[in-house]
């Protein structure tokens, strides 16, 4: 067992159990076919408040409900139930550091690929800080792997199986010497990164692919759009061409795991000056002040534990 997991508590199907006792059967549709949906949620430890601050819990759990409906589960576990369970898990673990939380709803039992139930649930939470790439920026490759489309596997569902698409792109980017991948959709337009959305800045306007560009309807993306508008920075949600990275003054990824990560170069060509830009830094500061409870803005987005 990894030392940073020892002593952690996991919730699974109505019970809180030690980390190494959380089990899903190898013959379940989750294990065989990836028949599950999940959320990635951040909890940030606030020294100022002496509490864990879980960010946009309600919105994440509402999206988890949506994912279950899209995946046609025979039973939809309510958002409120999963939210309460998640908060209780965080309490029981007595974290004093920032964490990454992963609530999952899945098809249990031993059915085939079209099984819709029985439905099981589990929630994990593990310590997770902010990586250096958030400060320093990253390099990205436009992937040869196409982003899944709504006619194949609906990107709006945050489904476990969907992430094999990002996995291929991420592995290839790493082999080719890049930190991350950018994926194009079936129309050749920019969709998202390998599990995170993205923005670029052109002529002072923060541009991001629209929600009809085969992206996950990201909660962090929505947060960034709100912060940008609050700062008086113009935004645009539209189709984005690959070649626009050559014209952008800056770019960044955003997501629960990636937070706000500057993109310094795409396909070996610098974006703007090749370093984190002014808009990116302003958004980063506003984001981290918000999630750590420093600014006090948007209290409805914060759940204290």
Protein backbone atom coordinates (compact mmCIF):
# COMPACT_ATOMS: atom_id res chain seq x y z
CA UNK A 1 0.00 0.00 0.00
CA UNK A 2 1.26 3.46 -0.85
CA UNK A 3 2.29 5.31 2.32
CA UNK A 4 0.12 8.32 1.48
CA UNK A 5 -2.96 6.05 1.39
CA UNK A 6 -2.36 4.26 4.69
CA UNK A 7 -5.00 5.14 7.24
CA UNK A 8 -7.44 6.65 4.73
CA UNK A 9 -11.13 5.83 4.83
CA UNK A 10 -13.21 5.04 1.73
CA UNK A 11 -17.00 5.03 1.34
CA UNK A 12 -18.43 2.10 -0.62
CA UNK A 13 -22.05 0.95 -0.90
CA UNK A 14 -23.25 2.25 2.44
CA UNK A 15 -20.11 1.62 4.50
CA UNK A 16 -17.02 3.57 5.51
CA UNK A 17 -14.09 1.16 5.34
CA UNK A 18 -10.26 1.28 5.47
CA UNK A 19 -8.57 2.00 2.14
CA UNK A 20 -7.33 -1.54 1.55
CA UNK A 21 -10.76 -3.06 2.22
CA UNK A 22 -12.63 -1.19 -0.56
CA UNK A 23 -13.48 -3.80 -3.19
CA UNK A 24 -15.36 -4.01 -6.52
CA UNK A 25 -15.70 -7.45 -8.09
CA UNK A 26 -13.49 -8.20 -11.09
CA UNK A 27 -16.52 -9.44 -13.06
CA UNK A 28 -18.61 -6.29 -12.57
CA UNK A 29 -19.57 -4.22 -15.64
CA UNK A 30 -17.40 -1.46 -14.14
CA UNK A 31 -14.32 -3.68 -14.32
CA UNK A 32 -15.24 -5.33 -17.64
CA UNK A 33 -16.57 -2.36 -19.62
CA UNK A 34 -15.85 0.82 -17.66
CA UNK A 35 -19.57 1.16 -16.86
CA UNK A 36 -19.25 3.98 -14.36
CA UNK A 37 -19.48 7.74 -14.01
CA UNK A 38 -17.53 9.93 -11.63
CA UNK A 39 -16.60 13.43 -10.55
CA UNK A 40 -13.29 15.03 -9.65
CA UNK A 41 -13.73 17.55 -6.84
CA UNK A 42 -11.18 19.61 -4.96
CA UNK A 43 -11.09 20.24 -1.25
CA UNK A 44 -8.70 23.03 -0.25
CA UNK A 45 -7.43 23.31 3.30
CA UNK A 46 -7.82 26.89 4.56
CA UNK A 47 -5.36 27.87 7.28
CA UNK A 48 -7.27 31.12 7.68
CA UNK A 49 -10.54 29.37 8.49
CA UNK A 50 -9.09 26.17 9.94
CA UNK A 51 -11.44 24.18 7.71
CA UNK A 52 -11.55 22.19 4.52
CA UNK A 53 -13.31 24.06 1.71
CA UNK A 54 -14.93 21.80 -0.89
CA UNK A 55 -15.35 23.68 -4.15
CA UNK A 56 -18.64 23.70 -6.08
CA UNK A 57 -19.89 20.46 -4.54
CA UNK A 58 -23.50 20.98 -5.60
CA UNK A 59 -22.63 21.59 -9.25
CA UNK A 60 -20.41 18.51 -9.36
CA UNK A 61 -23.10 16.29 -7.90
CA UNK A 62 -25.73 17.66 -10.27
CA UNK A 63 -23.43 16.78 -13.17
CA UNK A 64 -22.99 13.30 -11.65
CA UNK A 65 -26.78 12.91 -11.81
CA UNK A 66 -26.75 14.00 -15.46
CA UNK A 67 -24.02 11.49 -16.28
CA UNK A 68 -26.06 8.68 -14.74
CA UNK A 69 -29.08 9.61 -16.85
CA UNK A 70 -27.01 9.77 -20.05
CA UNK A 71 -25.53 6.35 -19.21
CA UNK A 72 -29.06 5.00 -18.70
CA UNK A 73 -28.49 3.59 -15.22
CA UNK A 74 -31.58 1.85 -13.87
CA UNK A 75 -31.36 3.96 -10.71
CA UNK A 76 -30.06 7.52 -10.38
CA UNK A 77 -28.38 8.23 -7.05
CA UNK A 78 -29.52 11.75 -6.02
CA UNK A 79 -27.05 14.64 -5.90
CA UNK A 80 -27.95 15.46 -2.29
CA UNK A 81 -27.24 11.92 -1.12
CA UNK A 82 -23.82 11.81 -2.77
CA UNK A 83 -22.96 15.29 -1.50
CA UNK A 84 -23.77 14.37 2.10
CA UNK A 85 -21.74 11.16 1.83
CA UNK A 86 -18.78 13.05 0.39
CA UNK A 87 -18.73 15.62 3.17
CA UNK A 88 -18.96 12.88 5.79
CA UNK A 89 -16.04 11.03 4.20
CA UNK A 90 -13.90 14.18 4.32
CA UNK A 91 -14.85 14.69 7.98
CA UNK A 92 -13.94 11.13 8.92
CA UNK A 93 -10.53 11.38 7.29
CA UNK A 94 -9.69 14.55 9.29
CA UNK A 95 -7.59 16.02 6.51
CA UNK A 96 -5.42 19.05 7.20
CA UNK A 97 -4.16 19.37 3.64
CA UNK A 98 -5.79 19.88 0.26
CA UNK A 99 -7.38 16.82 -1.32
CA UNK A 100 -8.79 15.39 -4.52
CA UNK A 101 -12.21 13.74 -4.11
CA UNK A 102 -13.66 11.19 -6.52
CA UNK A 103 -17.33 10.16 -6.11
CA UNK A 104 -18.25 7.29 -8.44
CA UNK A 105 -21.53 5.62 -9.42
CA UNK A 106 -21.17 2.36 -11.31
CA UNK A 107 -22.86 -0.80 -12.55
CA UNK A 108 -22.19 -3.58 -10.05
CA UNK A 109 -23.12 -7.25 -10.20
CA UNK A 110 -21.99 -9.49 -13.07
CA UNK A 111 -24.05 -8.32 -16.07
CA UNK A 112 -23.04 -7.84 -19.69
CA UNK A 113 -22.09 -4.70 -21.58
CA UNK A 114 -25.73 -3.49 -21.76
CA UNK A 115 -26.42 -3.98 -18.03
CA UNK A 116 -27.98 -0.94 -16.36
CA UNK A 117 -27.83 -2.18 -12.78
CA UNK A 118 -27.50 -2.93 -9.96
CA UNK A 119 -26.04 0.47 -9.19
CA UNK A 120 -23.21 0.85 -6.69
CA UNK A 121 -21.39 3.88 -5.28
CA UNK A 122 -18.04 4.71 -3.78
CA UNK A 123 -16.17 7.88 -2.80
CA UNK A 124 -12.44 8.32 -2.32
CA UNK A 125 -10.44 11.31 -1.11
CA UNK A 126 -6.66 11.55 -1.23
CA UNK A 127 -4.17 14.32 -0.40
CA UNK A 128 -3.22 16.34 -3.46
CA UNK A 129 -1.35 19.61 -3.73
CA UNK A 130 -0.83 22.00 -6.62
CA UNK A 131 1.85 20.79 -9.09
CA UNK A 132 4.77 22.91 -10.29
CA UNK A 133 3.32 23.13 -13.81
CA UNK A 134 0.67 25.52 -12.48
CA UNK A 135 3.44 27.97 -11.63
CA UNK A 136 5.84 27.25 -14.48
CA UNK A 137 3.53 26.33 -17.35
CA UNK A 138 3.54 23.32 -19.66
CA UNK A 139 4.06 22.30 -23.27
CA UNK A 140 1.30 20.71 -25.35
CA UNK A 141 0.96 18.67 -28.52
CA UNK A 142 -2.03 18.71 -30.86
CA UNK A 143 -2.88 15.04 -30.77
CA UNK A 144 -3.44 12.77 -33.76
CA UNK A 145 -6.13 11.07 -31.65
CA UNK A 146 -9.56 12.59 -32.31
CA UNK A 147 -11.80 13.67 -29.43
CA UNK A 148 -14.85 11.44 -29.04
CA UNK A 149 -18.07 12.93 -30.43
CA UNK A 150 -21.67 12.92 -29.32
CA UNK A 151 -22.53 10.28 -31.94
CA UNK A 152 -20.06 7.80 -30.46
CA UNK A 153 -19.64 8.25 -26.68
CA UNK A 154 -21.34 11.36 -25.27
CA UNK A 155 -18.63 13.71 -23.96
CA UNK A 156 -21.14 15.39 -21.62
CA UNK A 157 -21.20 12.22 -19.52
CA UNK A 158 -18.19 12.14 -17.22
CA UNK A 159 -17.95 8.42 -17.85
CA UNK A 160 -15.03 6.25 -16.85
CA UNK A 161 -14.75 4.66 -20.31
CA UNK A 162 -14.55 8.06 -22.04
CA UNK A 163 -11.17 8.68 -20.47
CA UNK A 164 -9.50 6.00 -22.59
CA UNK A 165 -9.75 8.61 -25.35
CA UNK A 166 -7.71 11.09 -23.30
CA UNK A 167 -5.39 8.32 -22.14
CA UNK A 168 -4.25 7.56 -25.70
CA UNK A 169 -3.59 11.23 -26.35
CA UNK A 170 -1.77 11.77 -23.06
CA UNK A 171 0.47 8.74 -23.52
CA UNK A 172 1.42 9.82 -27.03
CA UNK A 173 2.18 13.37 -25.90
CA UNK A 174 4.47 12.04 -23.18
CA UNK A 175 6.30 9.71 -25.57
CA UNK A 176 6.82 12.63 -27.96
CA UNK A 177 8.28 14.82 -25.21
CA UNK A 178 5.31 17.05 -24.33
CA UNK A 179 3.56 17.60 -21.00
CA UNK A 180 0.00 17.42 -22.30
CA UNK A 181 -2.22 16.86 -25.32
CA UNK A 182 -4.76 19.06 -27.10
CA UNK A 183 -7.50 17.15 -28.92
CA UNK A 184 -9.44 18.14 -32.04
CA UNK A 185 -13.03 17.08 -32.62
CA UNK A 186 -14.50 15.37 -35.69
CA UNK A 187 -14.83 18.73 -37.47
CA UNK A 188 -11.15 19.50 -36.99
CA UNK A 189 -11.82 22.19 -34.36
CA UNK A 190 -10.11 22.41 -30.99
CA UNK A 191 -12.07 20.53 -28.33
CA UNK A 192 -10.14 20.19 -25.07
CA UNK A 193 -7.02 18.78 -23.47
CA UNK A 194 -6.57 15.28 -22.10
CA UNK A 195 -9.31 15.70 -19.52
CA UNK A 196 -9.23 19.47 -19.10
CA UNK A 197 -10.67 22.45 -20.97
CA UNK A 198 -8.61 25.27 -22.41
CA UNK A 199 -8.62 28.99 -23.15
CA UNK A 200 -6.52 31.16 -25.41
CA UNK A 201 -6.23 34.94 -25.44
CA UNK A 202 -6.46 36.86 -28.72
CA UNK A 203 -6.52 40.66 -28.89
CA UNK A 204 -7.45 40.82 -25.22
CA UNK A 205 -10.39 38.40 -25.56
CA UNK A 206 -10.35 35.09 -23.68
CA UNK A 207 -11.61 32.46 -26.14
CA UNK A 208 -12.71 28.93 -25.29
CA UNK A 209 -14.31 26.18 -27.39
CA UNK A 210 -18.11 26.13 -27.13
CA UNK A 211 -20.04 23.43 -25.28
CA UNK A 212 -21.02 22.02 -28.69
CA UNK A 213 -17.35 21.35 -29.53
CA UNK A 214 -17.45 17.82 -27.99
CA UNK A 215 -16.13 18.95 -24.63
CA UNK A 216 -17.09 17.98 -21.11
CA UNK A 217 -19.25 20.81 -19.78
CA UNK A 218 -16.57 21.69 -17.29
CA UNK A 219 -17.35 23.29 -13.94
CA UNK A 220 -13.88 24.83 -13.77
CA UNK A 221 -14.41 26.27 -17.26
CA UNK A 222 -17.63 27.87 -16.02
CA UNK A 223 -15.75 29.20 -12.98
CA UNK A 224 -13.05 30.74 -15.18
CA UNK A 225 -15.62 32.39 -17.46
CA UNK A 226 -17.27 33.93 -14.40
CA UNK A 227 -13.96 35.17 -12.99
CA UNK A 228 -12.89 36.67 -16.32
CA UNK A 229 -16.16 38.56 -16.67
CA UNK A 230 -15.91 39.78 -13.07
CA UNK A 231 -12.47 41.18 -13.94
CA UNK A 232 -13.85 42.97 -16.98
CA UNK A 233 -12.08 40.71 -19.49
CA UNK A 234 -14.11 39.95 -22.62
CA UNK A 235 -14.86 36.29 -23.32
CA UNK A 236 -15.96 34.31 -26.35
CA UNK A 237 -17.29 30.74 -26.58
CA UNK A 238 -16.93 29.57 -30.19
CA UNK A 239 -15.24 27.19 -32.61
CA UNK A 240 -11.46 27.42 -32.27
CA UNK A 241 -8.99 26.54 -35.04
CA UNK A 242 -5.68 24.83 -34.35
CA UNK A 243 -3.77 27.61 -36.10
CA UNK A 244 -5.09 30.18 -33.61
CA UNK A 245 -2.43 29.10 -31.11
CA UNK A 246 0.08 30.85 -33.40
CA UNK A 247 -1.96 34.08 -33.08
CA UNK A 248 -2.69 33.88 -29.34
CA UNK A 249 -0.81 35.98 -26.81
CA UNK A 250 -1.33 33.33 -24.12
CA UNK A 251 -3.21 30.12 -23.39
CA UNK A 252 -4.03 27.93 -20.41
CA UNK A 253 -5.69 24.67 -19.41
CA UNK A 254 -8.33 24.57 -16.68
CA UNK A 255 -9.86 21.72 -14.74
CA UNK A 256 -10.24 20.29 -11.26
CA UNK A 257 -6.99 18.37 -11.55
CA UNK A 258 -5.11 20.86 -13.71
CA UNK A 259 -6.49 23.93 -11.90
CA UNK A 260 -5.21 26.89 -14.01
CA UNK A 261 -2.12 25.70 -15.92
CA UNK A 262 -0.38 28.01 -18.41
CA UNK A 263 0.41 26.61 -21.88
CA UNK A 264 3.84 27.92 -22.89
CA UNK A 265 4.13 26.20 -26.26
CA UNK A 266 2.05 24.12 -28.68
CA UNK A 267 3.76 21.70 -31.09
CA UNK A 268 7.10 23.28 -30.21
CA UNK A 269 6.01 26.81 -31.14
CA UNK A 270 5.79 29.36 -28.31
CA UNK A 271 2.39 30.74 -27.42
CA UNK A 272 2.91 34.50 -27.20
CA UNK A 273 6.14 35.13 -25.31
CA UNK A 274 6.41 31.45 -24.40
CA UNK A 275 5.70 32.00 -20.72
CA UNK A 276 2.62 32.47 -18.50
CA UNK A 277 0.78 35.64 -19.52
CA UNK A 278 -0.88 38.47 -17.61
CA UNK A 279 -4.47 37.27 -18.07
CA UNK A 280 -3.50 33.74 -17.00
CA UNK A 281 -1.80 35.04 -13.85
CA UNK A 282 -4.78 37.22 -12.98
CA UNK A 283 -7.18 34.31 -13.37
CA UNK A 284 -4.90 32.05 -11.33
CA UNK A 285 -4.82 34.53 -8.46
CA UNK A 286 -8.58 35.04 -8.50
CA UNK A 287 -9.16 31.28 -8.66
CA UNK A 288 -6.84 30.35 -5.80
CA UNK A 289 -8.04 33.26 -3.64
CA UNK A 290 -11.56 31.95 -4.18
CA UNK A 291 -11.00 28.24 -3.53
CA UNK A 292 -8.83 28.90 -0.46
CA UNK A 293 -11.43 31.22 1.04
CA UNK A 294 -9.16 34.27 0.88
CA UNK A 295 -11.41 36.48 -1.22
CA UNK A 296 -14.73 35.53 0.37
CA UNK A 297 -16.37 35.82 -3.05
CA UNK A 298 -19.05 33.39 -4.25
CA UNK A 299 -19.77 31.82 -0.83
CA UNK A 300 -22.41 29.64 -2.47
CA UNK A 301 -19.59 27.78 -4.22
CA UNK A 302 -17.86 26.79 -0.97
CA UNK A 303 -18.87 23.95 1.38
CA UNK A 304 -17.04 24.12 4.70
CA UNK A 305 -16.11 20.85 6.41
